[in-house]
N, C-alpha and C. Protein backbone atom coordinates (compact mmCIF):
# COMPACT_ATOMS: atom_id res chain seq x y z
N UNK A 1 115.30 85.18 104.09
CA UNK A 1 114.03 85.80 103.50
C UNK A 1 113.14 84.53 102.54
N UNK A 2 113.69 83.60 102.44
CA UNK A 2 112.75 82.75 101.67
C UNK A 2 111.70 82.55 102.52
N UNK A 3 111.51 82.24 103.96
CA UNK A 3 110.67 81.66 104.67
C UNK A 3 109.51 83.20 105.01
N UNK A 4 110.14 83.86 104.77
CA UNK A 4 108.84 85.43 105.12
C UNK A 4 107.60 85.33 103.70
N UNK A 5 106.34 85.63 104.43
CA UNK A 5 105.22 85.07 103.49
C UNK A 5 104.81 86.52 103.08
N UNK A 6 104.42 87.29 102.33
CA UNK A 6 103.58 88.58 102.11
C UNK A 6 102.14 88.19 101.82
N UNK A 7 101.23 88.49 102.81
CA UNK A 7 99.94 88.39 102.47
C UNK A 7 99.06 89.52 103.38
N UNK A 8 97.57 89.80 102.99
CA UNK A 8 97.04 90.92 103.60
C UNK A 8 96.98 90.53 105.47
N UNK A 9 97.29 91.41 106.14
CA UNK A 9 97.19 91.66 107.16
C UNK A 9 96.20 91.56 107.94
N UNK A 10 95.92 91.34 109.36
CA UNK A 10 94.82 91.19 109.48
C UNK A 10 94.24 92.08 110.72
N UNK A 11 93.11 92.01 111.07
CA UNK A 11 92.49 93.07 111.64
C UNK A 11 93.71 93.08 113.30
N UNK A 12 93.78 91.72 113.77
CA UNK A 12 94.15 91.74 115.25
C UNK A 12 95.82 92.21 115.39
N UNK A 13 96.17 92.74 114.17
CA UNK A 13 97.51 93.39 113.68
C UNK A 13 97.88 94.36 114.03
N UNK A 14 96.67 95.26 114.08
CA UNK A 14 97.15 96.62 113.75
C UNK A 14 97.94 97.03 114.84
N UNK A 15 98.31 96.62 115.67
CA UNK A 15 98.84 97.35 117.30
C UNK A 15 100.02 97.04 116.17
N UNK A 16 100.77 96.13 116.53
CA UNK A 16 102.09 95.02 115.78
C UNK A 16 102.66 96.19 114.41
N UNK A 17 101.63 96.50 113.59
CA UNK A 17 101.78 97.37 112.40
C UNK A 17 102.60 98.64 113.00
N UNK A 18 101.41 99.30 114.12
CA UNK A 18 102.50 100.69 114.40
C UNK A 18 103.84 100.55 115.09
N UNK A 19 104.06 99.26 115.89
CA UNK A 19 105.06 99.29 116.84
C UNK A 19 106.47 98.69 115.32
N UNK A 20 106.08 98.56 114.24
CA UNK A 20 106.97 97.73 113.41
C UNK A 20 107.45 99.06 112.97
N UNK A 21 106.30 99.95 112.53
CA UNK A 21 106.63 101.20 112.08
C UNK A 21 107.36 102.56 112.64
N UNK A 22 107.26 102.51 114.22
CA UNK A 22 107.66 103.16 114.49
C UNK A 22 109.81 102.43 114.90
N UNK A 23 109.30 101.35 115.11
CA UNK A 23 110.83 100.40 115.01
C UNK A 23 111.28 100.97 113.96
N UNK A 24 110.74 100.85 112.57
CA UNK A 24 111.86 100.96 111.46
C UNK A 24 112.49 102.46 111.19
N UNK A 25 111.03 103.39 111.58
CA UNK A 25 111.96 105.57 111.73
C UNK A 25 112.73 105.25 112.76
N UNK A 26 112.67 104.60 113.85
CA UNK A 26 113.68 104.90 114.93
C UNK A 26 114.98 104.08 114.71
N UNK A 27 115.28 103.45 113.90
CA UNK A 27 116.23 103.29 113.10
C UNK A 27 117.36 103.79 112.74
N UNK A 28 116.60 105.04 112.04
CA UNK A 28 116.80 106.57 111.60
C UNK A 28 117.93 107.35 112.89
N UNK A 29 117.82 106.90 114.05
CA UNK A 29 118.42 108.21 114.85
C UNK A 29 117.66 108.72 115.60
N UNK A 30 115.75 108.89 115.54
CA UNK A 30 115.47 110.30 115.68
C UNK A 30 114.89 109.93 117.22
N UNK A 31 115.28 111.22 118.49
CA UNK A 31 114.64 110.93 119.58
C UNK A 31 112.90 110.46 119.56
N UNK A 32 112.74 109.60 121.45
CA UNK A 32 112.31 109.70 122.02
C UNK A 32 110.67 110.20 121.30
N UNK A 33 111.65 111.97 122.14
CA UNK A 33 110.32 113.17 121.44
C UNK A 33 109.53 113.12 120.55
N UNK A 34 110.22 112.57 118.75
CA UNK A 34 110.37 112.76 117.68
C UNK A 34 109.17 111.72 117.13
N UNK A 35 110.09 110.53 118.00
CA UNK A 35 108.87 109.16 117.60
C UNK A 35 107.33 109.20 117.81
N UNK A 36 107.24 109.86 119.42
CA UNK A 36 106.10 110.05 119.78
C UNK A 36 104.99 111.40 119.30
N UNK A 37 105.94 111.85 118.63
CA UNK A 37 105.30 112.64 117.80
C UNK A 37 104.74 111.67 116.70
N UNK A 38 105.04 111.45 116.36
CA UNK A 38 104.82 110.52 114.67
C UNK A 38 103.75 109.23 115.34
N UNK A 39 104.14 109.07 116.87
CA UNK A 39 102.75 107.82 117.09
C UNK A 39 101.40 108.07 116.31
N UNK A 40 100.94 109.06 116.55
CA UNK A 40 99.48 109.05 116.27
C UNK A 40 99.27 108.40 114.62
N UNK A 41 100.06 108.85 113.67
CA UNK A 41 100.19 109.04 112.22
C UNK A 41 100.27 107.53 111.84
N UNK A 42 101.53 107.15 112.18
CA UNK A 42 101.73 106.01 112.36
C UNK A 42 100.88 104.23 113.67
N UNK A 43 99.91 105.06 113.77
CA UNK A 43 98.59 104.15 114.28
C UNK A 43 97.83 103.47 113.76
N UNK A 44 98.10 102.12 113.68
CA UNK A 44 96.65 101.36 113.06
C UNK A 44 95.36 100.99 113.80
N UNK A 45 94.26 101.42 113.10
CA UNK A 45 93.29 100.60 113.69
C UNK A 45 92.73 99.16 113.51
N UNK A 46 92.16 98.19 114.22
CA UNK A 46 91.53 96.77 113.28
C UNK A 46 90.91 97.36 111.80
N UNK A 47 89.76 98.32 111.67
CA UNK A 47 89.09 98.46 110.88
C UNK A 47 89.89 99.14 109.32
N UNK A 48 90.97 99.45 109.67
CA UNK A 48 92.10 99.48 108.79
C UNK A 48 92.66 98.32 107.82
N UNK A 49 92.50 97.95 108.06
CA UNK A 49 92.71 95.99 107.23
C UNK A 49 91.52 96.07 106.49
N UNK A 50 90.77 96.50 106.56
CA UNK A 50 89.53 96.02 105.72
C UNK A 50 89.29 97.14 104.62
N UNK A 51 89.98 98.29 105.18
CA UNK A 51 89.36 99.41 104.64
C UNK A 51 90.87 99.99 103.81
N UNK A 52 91.86 99.25 103.68
CA UNK A 52 93.02 99.48 103.06
C UNK A 52 93.27 98.72 102.42
N UNK A 53 94.58 98.67 101.36
CA UNK A 53 95.68 97.46 100.55
C UNK A 53 96.56 97.06 101.84
N UNK A 54 96.34 96.26 102.94
CA UNK A 54 98.15 96.52 103.83
C UNK A 54 98.67 95.17 103.78
N UNK A 55 99.50 94.86 103.30
CA UNK A 55 100.46 93.78 102.64
C UNK A 55 101.40 93.31 104.15
N UNK A 56 101.45 92.48 104.70
CA UNK A 56 102.33 91.86 105.75
C UNK A 56 103.88 91.41 105.29
N UNK A 57 104.92 91.61 105.21
CA UNK A 57 106.00 90.04 105.18
C UNK A 57 105.78 89.45 106.79
N UNK A 58 105.76 88.39 106.73
CA UNK A 58 105.17 87.19 107.53
C UNK A 58 106.37 86.36 107.99
N UNK A 59 107.33 86.88 109.00
CA UNK A 59 108.37 85.95 108.44
C UNK A 59 108.45 84.55 110.34
N UNK A 60 109.05 83.84 110.18
CA UNK A 60 109.33 82.76 111.28
C UNK A 60 109.36 83.46 112.59
N UNK A 61 109.68 84.88 112.92
CA UNK A 61 110.18 85.60 114.21
C UNK A 61 108.97 86.66 114.68
N UNK A 62 107.96 86.44 113.25
CA UNK A 62 107.09 87.60 113.57
C UNK A 62 106.89 88.75 112.60
N UNK A 63 106.62 89.70 112.39
CA UNK A 63 106.19 91.01 111.50
C UNK A 63 107.50 91.29 110.71
N UNK A 64 107.66 91.41 109.61
CA UNK A 64 109.18 91.61 109.31
C UNK A 64 109.04 93.22 108.25
N UNK A 65 108.21 93.54 108.06
CA UNK A 65 107.54 94.94 107.40
C UNK A 65 106.20 94.73 106.79
N UNK A 66 105.78 95.99 105.83
CA UNK A 66 104.85 96.19 105.66
C UNK A 66 104.43 97.24 104.38
N UNK A 67 103.73 97.12 103.35
CA UNK A 67 102.90 98.44 103.04
C UNK A 67 101.85 98.63 102.92
N UNK A 68 101.34 99.75 102.77
CA UNK A 68 100.13 99.66 102.09
C UNK A 68 99.59 100.37 100.67
N UNK A 69 98.83 100.04 100.43
CA UNK A 69 98.71 101.24 99.06
C UNK A 69 96.97 101.90 99.42
N UNK A 70 97.22 103.53 98.98
CA UNK A 70 95.96 103.98 99.91
C UNK A 70 94.95 104.82 98.27
N UNK A 71 94.23 105.28 98.48
CA UNK A 71 93.46 105.63 97.45
C UNK A 71 92.69 105.04 96.66
N UNK A 72 92.60 105.53 95.58
CA UNK A 72 91.45 104.85 94.62
C UNK A 72 92.05 105.07 92.79
N UNK A 73 92.42 104.11 92.06
CA UNK A 73 93.05 104.59 90.84
C UNK A 73 92.20 105.48 89.67
N UNK A 74 93.33 106.39 89.52
CA UNK A 74 94.30 106.05 88.73
C UNK A 74 95.89 106.14 89.53
N UNK A 75 95.66 107.08 90.51
CA UNK A 75 96.57 107.48 90.84
C UNK A 75 96.33 107.15 92.27
N UNK A 76 97.48 106.87 93.09
CA UNK A 76 97.18 106.29 94.26
C UNK A 76 98.64 106.81 95.35
N UNK A 77 98.52 106.02 96.47
CA UNK A 77 99.49 106.76 97.67
C UNK A 77 100.14 105.28 98.02
N UNK A 78 101.92 104.96 97.74
CA UNK A 78 102.27 104.18 98.90
C UNK A 78 102.46 104.95 100.25
N UNK A 79 101.28 104.31 101.21
CA UNK A 79 100.96 105.46 102.31
C UNK A 79 102.07 104.41 103.33
N UNK A 80 102.65 103.49 103.48
CA UNK A 80 103.55 103.09 104.14
C UNK A 80 104.62 102.08 103.54
N UNK A 81 104.95 102.29 103.58
CA UNK A 81 106.63 100.35 103.64
C UNK A 81 107.60 100.67 104.68
N UNK A 82 107.60 99.48 105.58
CA UNK A 82 108.43 99.83 106.55
C UNK A 82 108.91 98.68 106.89
N UNK A 83 110.03 98.55 107.40
CA UNK A 83 111.06 97.12 107.64
C UNK A 83 111.44 96.99 108.74
N UNK A 84 111.54 96.07 109.81
CA UNK A 84 111.69 96.04 110.90
C UNK A 84 113.55 96.28 111.30
N UNK A 85 114.06 96.94 111.90
CA UNK A 85 115.49 97.37 111.56
C UNK A 85 116.28 95.92 111.83
N UNK A 86 116.28 94.53 111.63
CA UNK A 86 117.26 94.18 111.59
C UNK A 86 117.26 93.53 110.78
N UNK A 87 116.03 93.64 109.20
CA UNK A 87 116.05 93.56 108.58
C UNK A 87 116.10 94.67 107.31
N UNK A 88 116.89 95.51 107.80
CA UNK A 88 116.68 96.68 106.91
C UNK A 88 118.66 96.86 105.61
N UNK A 89 118.23 96.33 104.68
CA UNK A 89 119.18 96.01 104.17
C UNK A 89 119.55 94.61 103.59
N UNK A 90 118.47 93.19 103.87
CA UNK A 90 118.29 92.28 103.71
C UNK A 90 118.18 91.92 102.13
N UNK A 91 117.09 93.25 100.87
CA UNK A 91 116.20 92.65 100.25
C UNK A 91 114.79 92.91 100.43
N UNK A 92 114.80 92.89 101.91
CA UNK A 92 113.09 92.83 102.21
C UNK A 92 112.30 93.97 101.87
N UNK A 93 113.20 95.47 102.10
CA UNK A 93 112.44 96.26 101.25
C UNK A 93 112.04 96.40 100.34
N UNK A 94 112.82 96.17 99.30
CA UNK A 94 112.43 95.78 97.76
C UNK A 94 111.97 94.88 96.99
N UNK A 95 111.42 93.55 97.99
CA UNK A 95 110.40 92.64 98.06
C UNK A 95 108.92 93.16 98.12
N UNK A 96 109.44 93.72 99.16
CA UNK A 96 108.21 94.16 99.49
C UNK A 96 107.34 95.50 98.71
N UNK A 97 108.33 96.63 97.61
CA UNK A 97 108.25 97.25 97.19
C UNK A 97 107.53 96.87 95.67
N UNK A 98 108.59 95.83 95.10
CA UNK A 98 107.90 94.97 94.15
C UNK A 98 106.50 94.22 94.54
N UNK A 99 106.37 94.01 95.80
CA UNK A 99 104.75 93.36 95.24
C UNK A 99 104.15 94.63 95.64
N UNK A 100 104.24 95.32 95.90
CA UNK A 100 103.32 96.78 96.26
C UNK A 100 103.27 96.95 94.46
N UNK A 101 103.89 97.60 93.91
CA UNK A 101 103.91 97.74 92.72
C UNK A 101 102.89 96.68 91.56
N UNK A 102 103.61 95.74 91.57
CA UNK A 102 102.75 94.58 91.03
C UNK A 102 101.25 95.30 91.40
N UNK A 103 100.99 94.58 92.21
CA UNK A 103 99.82 94.64 93.49
C UNK A 103 98.56 96.29 92.57
N UNK A 104 99.75 97.67 92.91
CA UNK A 104 98.75 98.76 92.27
C UNK A 104 98.94 98.62 90.96
N UNK A 105 100.13 98.14 89.71
CA UNK A 105 99.28 97.67 88.64
C UNK A 105 98.20 96.88 88.43
N UNK A 106 98.21 95.87 89.12
CA UNK A 106 97.15 94.86 88.79
C UNK A 106 95.38 95.55 89.68
N UNK A 107 95.39 96.79 90.40
CA UNK A 107 94.53 97.54 90.27
C UNK A 107 93.78 98.34 90.06
N UNK A 108 94.97 98.55 89.35
CA UNK A 108 94.32 99.58 87.73
C UNK A 108 95.42 101.48 88.08
N UNK A 109 95.98 101.40 89.22
CA UNK A 109 97.20 102.43 88.74
C UNK A 109 97.84 103.11 88.11
N UNK A 110 97.90 104.38 87.86
CA UNK A 110 98.71 104.52 86.72
C UNK A 110 99.93 105.16 87.98
N UNK A 111 99.80 105.90 88.55
CA UNK A 111 101.03 106.29 89.74
C UNK A 111 100.93 105.69 90.85
N UNK A 112 101.96 106.11 92.30
CA UNK A 112 102.00 106.03 93.26
C UNK A 112 102.42 106.79 93.88
N UNK A 113 102.11 107.79 94.81
CA UNK A 113 102.67 109.12 95.42
C UNK A 113 103.12 108.77 96.41
N UNK A 114 104.42 109.37 97.19
CA UNK A 114 105.42 108.71 98.43
C UNK A 114 105.62 110.09 99.23
N UNK A 115 104.88 110.15 100.21
CA UNK A 115 105.57 111.44 101.00
C UNK A 115 106.64 110.30 102.03
N UNK A 116 108.00 110.26 101.44
CA UNK A 116 109.09 109.56 101.78
C UNK A 116 110.29 110.71 103.67
N UNK A 117 109.96 109.37 104.16
CA UNK A 117 111.01 110.23 105.70
C UNK A 117 112.15 110.31 104.39
N UNK A 118 113.37 111.53 104.83
CA UNK A 118 113.74 112.03 103.79
C UNK A 118 115.09 110.90 104.16
N UNK A 119 115.00 109.78 105.07
CA UNK A 119 116.39 109.32 105.02
C UNK A 119 115.85 107.60 103.73
N UNK A 120 115.42 107.79 103.55
CA UNK A 120 114.25 106.78 102.49
C UNK A 120 113.99 107.26 100.79
N UNK A 121 114.84 108.09 101.32
CA UNK A 121 114.25 108.74 99.49
C UNK A 121 115.24 108.23 98.81
N UNK A 122 116.64 107.61 99.01
CA UNK A 122 117.63 106.88 98.61
C UNK A 122 117.19 105.86 97.81
N UNK A 123 116.41 104.82 98.18
CA UNK A 123 115.55 103.55 98.22
C UNK A 123 114.61 104.24 97.53
N UNK A 124 114.00 104.94 97.22
CA UNK A 124 112.73 105.20 95.95
C UNK A 124 112.87 105.83 94.74
N UNK A 125 114.46 106.42 95.32
CA UNK A 125 115.05 106.47 93.70
C UNK A 125 115.62 105.53 92.95
N UNK A 126 116.54 105.15 93.60
CA UNK A 126 117.01 103.04 92.90
C UNK A 126 115.80 102.38 92.79
N UNK A 127 114.44 102.72 93.27
CA UNK A 127 113.50 101.76 92.78
C UNK A 127 113.14 102.24 91.83
N UNK A 128 113.24 103.82 91.05
CA UNK A 128 112.58 104.25 89.74
C UNK A 128 111.41 105.18 90.04
N UNK A 129 111.56 106.09 91.45
CA UNK A 129 110.58 106.69 91.68
C UNK A 129 111.31 108.64 91.45
N UNK A 130 110.71 109.50 90.85
CA UNK A 130 111.11 110.79 91.02
C UNK A 130 110.52 111.15 92.10
N UNK A 131 111.58 112.47 92.43
CA UNK A 131 111.30 113.07 93.42
C UNK A 131 110.60 114.89 92.60
N UNK A 132 109.34 114.53 93.12
CA UNK A 132 108.42 115.62 92.31
C UNK A 132 108.17 117.53 93.54
N UNK A 133 108.76 116.95 94.47
CA UNK A 133 108.57 118.04 95.30
C UNK A 133 108.20 117.92 96.94
N UNK A 134 107.55 118.60 97.59
CA UNK A 134 107.04 118.41 99.33
C UNK A 134 106.36 118.90 99.65
N UNK A 135 106.15 118.35 100.74
CA UNK A 135 104.80 117.39 101.57
C UNK A 135 104.60 118.17 103.20
N UNK A 136 104.08 118.55 103.30
CA UNK A 136 103.88 118.86 105.04
C UNK A 136 103.97 117.34 105.54
N UNK A 137 104.27 117.75 106.57
CA UNK A 137 104.50 116.43 107.44
C UNK A 137 103.51 116.58 108.50
N UNK A 138 102.49 114.83 108.41
CA UNK A 138 101.03 115.42 109.20
C UNK A 138 101.34 114.71 110.85
N UNK A 139 103.12 114.50 111.17
CA UNK A 139 103.50 114.94 112.34
C UNK A 139 103.83 115.94 112.94
N UNK A 140 104.67 116.67 112.23
CA UNK A 140 105.46 117.85 113.15
C UNK A 140 105.51 118.98 112.33
N UNK A 141 104.89 119.96 112.96
CA UNK A 141 104.41 121.19 112.29
C UNK A 141 105.46 121.78 112.10
N UNK A 142 105.70 122.09 110.47
CA UNK A 142 106.88 122.71 110.46
C UNK A 142 107.50 122.79 109.24
N UNK A 143 107.78 120.76 109.87
CA UNK A 143 107.95 119.89 108.77
C UNK A 143 108.05 119.37 107.23
N UNK A 144 108.92 119.48 106.22
CA UNK A 144 108.29 119.02 105.40
C UNK A 144 109.03 118.00 104.87
N UNK A 145 108.37 117.09 103.99
CA UNK A 145 109.11 114.84 103.48
C UNK A 145 109.38 115.70 102.07
N UNK A 146 109.89 114.92 102.06
CA UNK A 146 110.15 114.73 99.82
C UNK A 146 108.90 114.58 99.41
N UNK A 147 108.35 114.72 98.11
CA UNK A 147 107.42 113.72 98.09
C UNK A 147 107.91 113.81 96.86
N UNK A 148 107.27 112.34 96.15
CA UNK A 148 107.95 111.26 94.85
C UNK A 148 107.05 110.80 94.44
N UNK A 149 107.31 110.58 93.28
CA UNK A 149 106.51 109.67 92.69
C UNK A 149 106.75 108.74 91.79
N UNK A 150 106.57 108.26 91.64
CA UNK A 150 106.65 106.37 90.50
C UNK A 150 105.41 106.09 89.58
N UNK A 151 105.54 106.63 88.29
CA UNK A 151 105.00 105.72 87.57
C UNK A 151 104.97 104.67 86.52
N UNK A 152 103.70 104.09 87.07
CA UNK A 152 103.91 102.52 86.50
C UNK A 152 103.18 102.16 85.21
N UNK A 153 104.61 101.74 85.08
CA UNK A 153 104.02 101.43 83.01
C UNK A 153 104.54 100.39 82.70
């Protein structure tokens, strides 16, 4: 993992970020129909790289993960944090998380909200976030997602 460099996402990587997010979500065993329903919400446009704070984990084999911080201080959203299946469990998710927290603090955020995949809740709780409720899924009508909050102190 030492060869992984965290850097700003580039406009020409928009499609790749969508692929990474879907591959990462697919790690949890979701069926193709479910993943297809999530595709629009997990699609990125080249202009997103300029209008959102998106950081990629660039490895010798390609993009291994990424995160985004959305919204304006004081409270924002960790809009994405995805790691390719081959890197899950290697510490890359924690590295991305720590970088996101440092970036958010530096930008003046006091808190980050997270609409988490249910399978990722344990990770966010271990990182210090608190579960504060539920939020409607942007992809699946009638489905709710755990809503977490991480206070930056």
